[in-house]
N, C-alpha and C. Protein backbone atom coordinates (compact mmCIF):
# COMPACT_ATOMS: atom_id res chain seq x y z
N MET A 1 -14.78 -3.80 -4.33
CA MET A 1 -14.14 -4.58 -3.31
C MET A 1 -13.73 -5.93 -3.87
N LYS A 2 -12.52 -6.36 -3.58
CA LYS A 2 -12.03 -7.64 -4.06
C LYS A 2 -12.31 -8.71 -3.02
N THR A 3 -12.33 -9.96 -3.46
CA THR A 3 -12.53 -11.07 -2.55
C THR A 3 -11.18 -11.60 -2.11
N ASN A 4 -11.07 -11.91 -0.84
CA ASN A 4 -9.82 -12.39 -0.27
C ASN A 4 -9.86 -13.90 -0.17
N LYS A 5 -9.16 -14.61 -1.06
CA LYS A 5 -9.22 -16.06 -1.09
C LYS A 5 -8.57 -16.70 0.13
N TYR A 6 -7.72 -15.94 0.84
CA TYR A 6 -7.05 -16.48 2.01
C TYR A 6 -7.92 -16.45 3.26
N PHE A 7 -8.96 -15.67 3.25
CA PHE A 7 -9.80 -15.53 4.43
C PHE A 7 -11.25 -15.86 4.09
N GLU A 8 -11.46 -17.03 3.54
CA GLU A 8 -12.78 -17.60 3.30
C GLU A 8 -13.71 -16.68 2.51
N ASN A 9 -13.19 -16.08 1.46
CA ASN A 9 -13.97 -15.25 0.54
C ASN A 9 -14.65 -14.07 1.20
N GLN A 10 -14.08 -13.57 2.29
CA GLN A 10 -14.61 -12.36 2.88
C GLN A 10 -14.14 -11.17 2.06
N PRO A 11 -15.00 -10.17 1.87
CA PRO A 11 -14.58 -9.02 1.08
C PRO A 11 -13.45 -8.25 1.76
N VAL A 12 -12.53 -7.75 0.95
CA VAL A 12 -11.41 -6.97 1.46
C VAL A 12 -11.48 -5.59 0.81
N ASP A 13 -11.52 -4.55 1.62
CA ASP A 13 -11.55 -3.19 1.11
C ASP A 13 -10.11 -2.72 0.91
N CYS A 14 -9.71 -2.55 -0.35
CA CYS A 14 -8.33 -2.17 -0.67
C CYS A 14 -8.17 -0.67 -0.87
N SER A 15 -9.27 0.09 -0.85
CA SER A 15 -9.19 1.51 -1.18
C SER A 15 -8.30 2.28 -0.22
N TYR A 16 -8.37 1.98 1.06
CA TYR A 16 -7.52 2.67 2.04
C TYR A 16 -6.05 2.40 1.74
N PHE A 17 -5.70 1.17 1.46
CA PHE A 17 -4.31 0.78 1.24
C PHE A 17 -3.78 1.31 -0.08
N SER A 18 -4.64 1.44 -1.07
CA SER A 18 -4.23 2.00 -2.35
C SER A 18 -3.80 3.45 -2.17
N GLY A 19 -4.44 4.15 -1.25
CA GLY A 19 -4.10 5.54 -0.97
C GLY A 19 -2.73 5.70 -0.34
N LEU A 20 -2.15 4.62 0.17
CA LEU A 20 -0.83 4.67 0.79
C LEU A 20 0.30 4.60 -0.24
N LEU A 21 -0.05 4.27 -1.48
CA LEU A 21 0.95 4.10 -2.53
C LEU A 21 1.20 5.41 -3.26
N PRO A 22 2.40 5.61 -3.80
CA PRO A 22 2.70 6.84 -4.54
C PRO A 22 1.75 7.03 -5.73
N GLU A 23 1.30 8.26 -5.90
CA GLU A 23 0.40 8.56 -7.02
C GLU A 23 1.19 8.64 -8.31
N GLY A 24 0.53 8.34 -9.42
CA GLY A 24 1.14 8.47 -10.73
C GLY A 24 2.02 7.30 -11.14
N GLN A 25 2.04 6.25 -10.35
CA GLN A 25 2.85 5.08 -10.70
C GLN A 25 1.97 3.85 -10.55
N ASP A 26 1.91 3.04 -11.60
CA ASP A 26 1.07 1.85 -11.58
C ASP A 26 1.86 0.57 -11.33
N TRP A 27 3.10 0.50 -11.78
CA TRP A 27 3.91 -0.71 -11.66
C TRP A 27 5.12 -0.46 -10.78
N PHE A 28 5.46 -1.44 -9.94
CA PHE A 28 6.53 -1.27 -8.96
C PHE A 28 7.50 -2.45 -9.01
N SER A 29 8.76 -2.16 -8.77
CA SER A 29 9.80 -3.19 -8.69
C SER A 29 9.84 -3.73 -7.26
N PRO A 30 10.50 -4.88 -7.05
CA PRO A 30 10.61 -5.41 -5.69
C PRO A 30 11.26 -4.42 -4.72
N LYS A 31 12.26 -3.68 -5.18
CA LYS A 31 12.91 -2.70 -4.32
C LYS A 31 11.94 -1.59 -3.91
N GLU A 32 11.14 -1.11 -4.85
CA GLU A 32 10.17 -0.07 -4.54
C GLU A 32 9.09 -0.58 -3.59
N ILE A 33 8.64 -1.81 -3.82
CA ILE A 33 7.62 -2.40 -2.95
C ILE A 33 8.19 -2.59 -1.55
N GLY A 34 9.43 -3.06 -1.46
CA GLY A 34 10.08 -3.24 -0.17
C GLY A 34 10.13 -1.93 0.62
N ALA A 35 10.43 -0.84 -0.07
CA ALA A 35 10.47 0.47 0.59
C ALA A 35 9.09 0.87 1.09
N ILE A 36 8.06 0.53 0.33
CA ILE A 36 6.69 0.88 0.71
C ILE A 36 6.23 0.07 1.93
N ILE A 37 6.51 -1.21 1.93
CA ILE A 37 6.00 -2.07 3.01
C ILE A 37 7.00 -2.26 4.14
N GLY A 38 8.18 -1.67 4.00
CA GLY A 38 9.18 -1.76 5.07
C GLY A 38 9.88 -3.10 5.16
N ARG A 39 10.08 -3.73 4.02
CA ARG A 39 10.76 -5.02 3.95
C ARG A 39 11.82 -4.97 2.86
N SER A 40 12.62 -6.02 2.78
CA SER A 40 13.67 -6.08 1.75
C SER A 40 13.08 -6.50 0.41
N ASP A 41 13.83 -6.23 -0.65
CA ASP A 41 13.38 -6.66 -1.98
C ASP A 41 13.37 -8.19 -2.07
N GLN A 42 14.25 -8.86 -1.34
CA GLN A 42 14.25 -10.33 -1.33
C GLN A 42 12.97 -10.85 -0.67
N TYR A 43 12.52 -10.20 0.38
CA TYR A 43 11.25 -10.58 1.01
C TYR A 43 10.11 -10.46 0.00
N VAL A 44 10.12 -9.39 -0.78
CA VAL A 44 9.08 -9.19 -1.80
C VAL A 44 9.13 -10.31 -2.83
N ARG A 45 10.32 -10.68 -3.29
CA ARG A 45 10.45 -11.77 -4.26
C ARG A 45 9.93 -13.09 -3.67
N ASN A 46 10.32 -13.38 -2.43
CA ASN A 46 9.85 -14.61 -1.77
C ASN A 46 8.33 -14.61 -1.64
N THR A 47 7.78 -13.46 -1.32
CA THR A 47 6.32 -13.33 -1.18
C THR A 47 5.64 -13.53 -2.53
N PHE A 48 6.26 -13.03 -3.59
CA PHE A 48 5.73 -13.23 -4.94
C PHE A 48 5.74 -14.72 -5.31
N TYR A 49 6.90 -15.37 -5.12
CA TYR A 49 7.02 -16.78 -5.51
C TYR A 49 6.16 -17.70 -4.65
N SER A 50 5.82 -17.28 -3.44
CA SER A 50 4.93 -18.10 -2.60
C SER A 50 3.46 -17.83 -2.90
N GLY A 51 3.18 -16.88 -3.79
CA GLY A 51 1.80 -16.61 -4.21
C GLY A 51 1.03 -15.68 -3.30
N LYS A 52 1.71 -14.96 -2.42
CA LYS A 52 1.02 -14.06 -1.51
C LYS A 52 0.88 -12.65 -2.06
N ILE A 53 1.69 -12.33 -3.06
CA ILE A 53 1.55 -11.06 -3.77
C ILE A 53 1.60 -11.39 -5.26
N PHE A 54 0.73 -10.75 -6.01
CA PHE A 54 0.58 -11.08 -7.43
C PHE A 54 1.30 -10.07 -8.30
N GLY A 55 1.95 -10.55 -9.36
CA GLY A 55 2.67 -9.67 -10.26
C GLY A 55 3.00 -10.37 -11.56
N HIS A 56 3.96 -9.82 -12.27
CA HIS A 56 4.36 -10.34 -13.57
C HIS A 56 5.87 -10.49 -13.65
N LEU A 57 6.30 -11.54 -14.30
CA LEU A 57 7.71 -11.76 -14.60
C LEU A 57 7.91 -11.59 -16.10
N SER A 58 8.98 -10.91 -16.48
CA SER A 58 9.31 -10.83 -17.91
C SER A 58 10.81 -10.88 -18.05
N ASN A 59 11.24 -11.25 -19.24
CA ASN A 59 12.68 -11.32 -19.48
C ASN A 59 13.06 -10.52 -20.72
N GLY A 60 12.27 -9.59 -21.05
CA GLY A 60 12.59 -8.74 -22.19
C GLY A 60 12.52 -9.46 -23.50
N LEU A 61 13.51 -9.24 -24.35
CA LEU A 61 13.49 -9.78 -25.70
C LEU A 61 14.33 -11.05 -25.87
N ALA A 62 14.75 -11.64 -24.77
CA ALA A 62 15.60 -12.84 -24.87
C ALA A 62 14.84 -14.00 -25.48
N LYS A 63 15.54 -14.78 -26.30
CA LYS A 63 14.93 -15.98 -26.88
C LYS A 63 14.80 -17.04 -25.81
N LYS A 64 13.82 -17.92 -26.00
CA LYS A 64 13.59 -18.98 -25.03
C LYS A 64 14.86 -19.82 -24.86
N GLY A 65 15.24 -20.01 -23.61
CA GLY A 65 16.46 -20.75 -23.30
C GLY A 65 17.68 -19.87 -23.12
N PHE A 66 17.60 -18.61 -23.54
CA PHE A 66 18.72 -17.68 -23.43
C PHE A 66 18.45 -16.54 -22.44
N GLU A 67 17.42 -16.71 -21.62
CA GLU A 67 17.09 -15.69 -20.64
C GLU A 67 18.19 -15.57 -19.61
N LYS A 68 18.59 -14.35 -19.31
CA LYS A 68 19.63 -14.13 -18.32
C LYS A 68 19.07 -13.51 -17.05
N LYS A 69 18.07 -12.70 -17.19
CA LYS A 69 17.52 -12.01 -16.04
C LYS A 69 16.02 -11.82 -16.24
N THR A 70 15.29 -12.03 -15.19
CA THR A 70 13.86 -11.77 -15.25
C THR A 70 13.56 -10.53 -14.43
N TYR A 71 12.53 -9.83 -14.82
CA TYR A 71 12.11 -8.61 -14.14
C TYR A 71 10.74 -8.85 -13.53
N LEU A 72 10.65 -8.60 -12.24
CA LEU A 72 9.40 -8.75 -11.51
C LEU A 72 8.77 -7.38 -11.36
N ARG A 73 7.51 -7.27 -11.74
CA ARG A 73 6.76 -6.03 -11.58
C ARG A 73 5.40 -6.36 -10.98
N VAL A 74 4.97 -5.50 -10.07
CA VAL A 74 3.70 -5.71 -9.38
C VAL A 74 2.85 -4.45 -9.56
N HIS A 75 1.59 -4.64 -9.91
CA HIS A 75 0.67 -3.52 -10.10
C HIS A 75 0.22 -2.99 -8.74
N ARG A 76 -0.07 -1.71 -8.68
CA ARG A 76 -0.46 -1.07 -7.42
C ARG A 76 -1.67 -1.73 -6.77
N SER A 77 -2.60 -2.24 -7.56
CA SER A 77 -3.78 -2.90 -6.98
C SER A 77 -3.38 -4.19 -6.27
N ALA A 78 -2.36 -4.89 -6.77
CA ALA A 78 -1.90 -6.12 -6.12
C ALA A 78 -1.18 -5.79 -4.80
N ILE A 79 -0.48 -4.67 -4.77
CA ILE A 79 0.18 -4.25 -3.53
C ILE A 79 -0.88 -3.87 -2.49
N ALA A 80 -1.89 -3.12 -2.93
CA ALA A 80 -2.97 -2.74 -2.02
C ALA A 80 -3.69 -3.97 -1.48
N LEU A 81 -3.91 -4.96 -2.34
CA LEU A 81 -4.56 -6.20 -1.91
C LEU A 81 -3.69 -6.92 -0.89
N TYR A 82 -2.39 -7.00 -1.14
CA TYR A 82 -1.47 -7.65 -0.19
C TYR A 82 -1.51 -6.93 1.16
N LEU A 83 -1.45 -5.60 1.14
CA LEU A 83 -1.48 -4.84 2.39
C LEU A 83 -2.80 -5.06 3.13
N ALA A 84 -3.90 -5.09 2.39
CA ALA A 84 -5.21 -5.31 3.03
C ALA A 84 -5.30 -6.70 3.63
N GLN A 85 -4.75 -7.69 2.93
CA GLN A 85 -4.80 -9.07 3.42
C GLN A 85 -3.90 -9.28 4.63
N SER A 86 -2.79 -8.57 4.68
CA SER A 86 -1.83 -8.81 5.76
C SER A 86 -2.05 -7.88 6.95
N ALA A 87 -2.98 -6.93 6.84
CA ALA A 87 -3.23 -6.00 7.94
C ALA A 87 -3.93 -6.72 9.10
N ASN A 88 -3.56 -6.36 10.31
CA ASN A 88 -4.23 -6.95 11.47
C ASN A 88 -5.26 -5.98 12.04
N TYR A 89 -5.73 -5.05 11.21
CA TYR A 89 -6.75 -4.10 11.61
C TYR A 89 -7.61 -3.76 10.40
N SER A 90 -8.79 -3.23 10.66
CA SER A 90 -9.64 -2.75 9.57
C SER A 90 -9.54 -1.23 9.55
N THR A 91 -10.05 -0.62 8.49
CA THR A 91 -10.03 0.83 8.44
C THR A 91 -10.90 1.42 9.54
N ASP A 92 -11.96 0.71 9.93
CA ASP A 92 -12.79 1.17 11.05
C ASP A 92 -12.00 1.16 12.35
N ASP A 93 -11.15 0.14 12.55
CA ASP A 93 -10.29 0.09 13.73
C ASP A 93 -9.34 1.28 13.75
N LEU A 94 -8.80 1.62 12.59
CA LEU A 94 -7.88 2.74 12.48
C LEU A 94 -8.58 4.05 12.85
N ILE A 95 -9.77 4.25 12.32
CA ILE A 95 -10.54 5.47 12.62
C ILE A 95 -10.86 5.54 14.11
N GLU A 96 -11.23 4.41 14.69
CA GLU A 96 -11.53 4.37 16.13
C GLU A 96 -10.29 4.74 16.94
N ALA A 97 -9.13 4.22 16.59
CA ALA A 97 -7.89 4.54 17.30
C ALA A 97 -7.55 6.02 17.15
N LEU A 98 -7.71 6.56 15.94
CA LEU A 98 -7.45 7.99 15.73
C LEU A 98 -8.41 8.84 16.54
N SER A 99 -9.66 8.43 16.61
CA SER A 99 -10.66 9.16 17.39
C SER A 99 -10.27 9.22 18.86
N GLN A 100 -9.76 8.12 19.38
CA GLN A 100 -9.34 8.08 20.78
C GLN A 100 -8.15 9.01 21.03
N ILE A 101 -7.29 9.16 20.04
CA ILE A 101 -6.15 10.07 20.16
C ILE A 101 -6.62 11.52 20.06
N ILE A 102 -7.50 11.81 19.12
CA ILE A 102 -7.95 13.17 18.85
C ILE A 102 -8.63 13.79 20.07
N VAL A 103 -9.44 13.02 20.79
CA VAL A 103 -10.15 13.60 21.95
C VAL A 103 -9.20 14.04 23.05
N ARG A 104 -7.95 13.60 23.01
CA ARG A 104 -6.97 13.97 24.03
C ARG A 104 -6.10 15.16 23.63
N LEU A 105 -6.29 15.68 22.42
CA LEU A 105 -5.45 16.78 21.93
C LEU A 105 -5.87 18.11 22.54
N SER A 106 -4.91 19.02 22.64
CA SER A 106 -5.20 20.38 23.13
C SER A 106 -5.93 21.15 22.03
N ASP A 107 -6.47 22.31 22.39
CA ASP A 107 -7.16 23.15 21.41
C ASP A 107 -6.22 23.56 20.28
N TYR A 108 -4.97 23.89 20.63
CA TYR A 108 -3.99 24.28 19.62
C TYR A 108 -3.70 23.12 18.66
N GLN A 109 -3.52 21.92 19.21
CA GLN A 109 -3.25 20.76 18.37
C GLN A 109 -4.45 20.45 17.47
N LEU A 110 -5.66 20.60 17.99
CA LEU A 110 -6.87 20.38 17.18
C LEU A 110 -6.95 21.40 16.05
N MET A 111 -6.59 22.65 16.34
CA MET A 111 -6.61 23.69 15.31
C MET A 111 -5.62 23.34 14.19
N ARG A 112 -4.41 22.89 14.54
CA ARG A 112 -3.42 22.51 13.54
C ARG A 112 -3.89 21.30 12.73
N LEU A 113 -4.46 20.31 13.41
CA LEU A 113 -4.97 19.12 12.74
C LEU A 113 -6.11 19.49 11.79
N ASP A 114 -6.99 20.37 12.22
CA ASP A 114 -8.10 20.82 11.38
C ASP A 114 -7.58 21.47 10.10
N LYS A 115 -6.51 22.27 10.22
CA LYS A 115 -5.92 22.90 9.04
C LYS A 115 -5.35 21.86 8.08
N VAL A 116 -4.67 20.87 8.61
CA VAL A 116 -4.10 19.81 7.77
C VAL A 116 -5.21 19.07 7.04
N ILE A 117 -6.26 18.71 7.74
CA ILE A 117 -7.38 17.98 7.13
C ILE A 117 -8.02 18.81 6.04
N LYS A 118 -8.25 20.10 6.29
CA LYS A 118 -8.86 20.97 5.28
C LYS A 118 -7.96 21.12 4.06
N ASP A 119 -6.65 21.30 4.30
CA ASP A 119 -5.71 21.45 3.18
C ASP A 119 -5.70 20.20 2.29
N VAL A 120 -5.66 19.04 2.91
CA VAL A 120 -5.63 17.79 2.15
C VAL A 120 -6.97 17.58 1.43
N SER A 121 -8.08 17.86 2.11
CA SER A 121 -9.40 17.69 1.51
C SER A 121 -9.62 18.63 0.33
N ASN A 122 -9.11 19.85 0.44
CA ASN A 122 -9.27 20.84 -0.63
C ASN A 122 -8.26 20.67 -1.75
N GLY A 123 -7.28 19.80 -1.54
CA GLY A 123 -6.27 19.59 -2.56
C GLY A 123 -5.22 20.69 -2.61
N THR A 124 -5.19 21.53 -1.58
CA THR A 124 -4.20 22.62 -1.57
C THR A 124 -2.86 22.17 -1.02
N SER A 125 -2.82 20.97 -0.46
CA SER A 125 -1.57 20.43 0.04
C SER A 125 -1.56 18.91 -0.15
N SER A 126 -0.42 18.41 -0.52
CA SER A 126 -0.27 16.98 -0.73
C SER A 126 -0.28 16.25 0.61
N LYS A 127 -0.82 15.04 0.61
CA LYS A 127 -0.80 14.20 1.81
C LYS A 127 0.63 13.93 2.23
N LYS A 128 1.54 13.86 1.26
CA LYS A 128 2.93 13.55 1.54
C LYS A 128 3.61 14.67 2.32
N THR A 129 3.10 15.92 2.19
CA THR A 129 3.69 17.05 2.89
C THR A 129 3.70 16.82 4.39
N TYR A 130 2.68 16.17 4.89
CA TYR A 130 2.52 16.01 6.33
C TYR A 130 3.09 14.69 6.85
N ARG A 131 3.54 13.82 5.97
CA ARG A 131 4.11 12.54 6.40
C ARG A 131 5.58 12.71 6.71
N LYS A 132 6.00 12.22 7.82
CA LYS A 132 7.42 12.28 8.17
C LYS A 132 7.83 10.95 8.74
């Protein structure tokens, strides 16, 4: 668990938010991050420059003073930390809300949900298959 400097050093659980990011990719561009968080790439750049999301700037092989373009890249752990810090709910709140929805489902809907949970838990189906 990482410490959240914006909220008086309270621990922030980033594991849930890390699971929301595409697997197999560690570094993301502003455009990719914007698509993940539902914002523009300019919003991501502004958030980076204001210090709310952490990442790296590079300019390739250009000599000092001759840089033409910089490339911003953010590691998946920094995105997960940003999502955890900006969330207005905890993972426990999310589970509680889902529980309240589940108790209202029909037997057929519960059977379908049970199959989805088993498939994802067993690794026989990707989590992305069920996201729309």
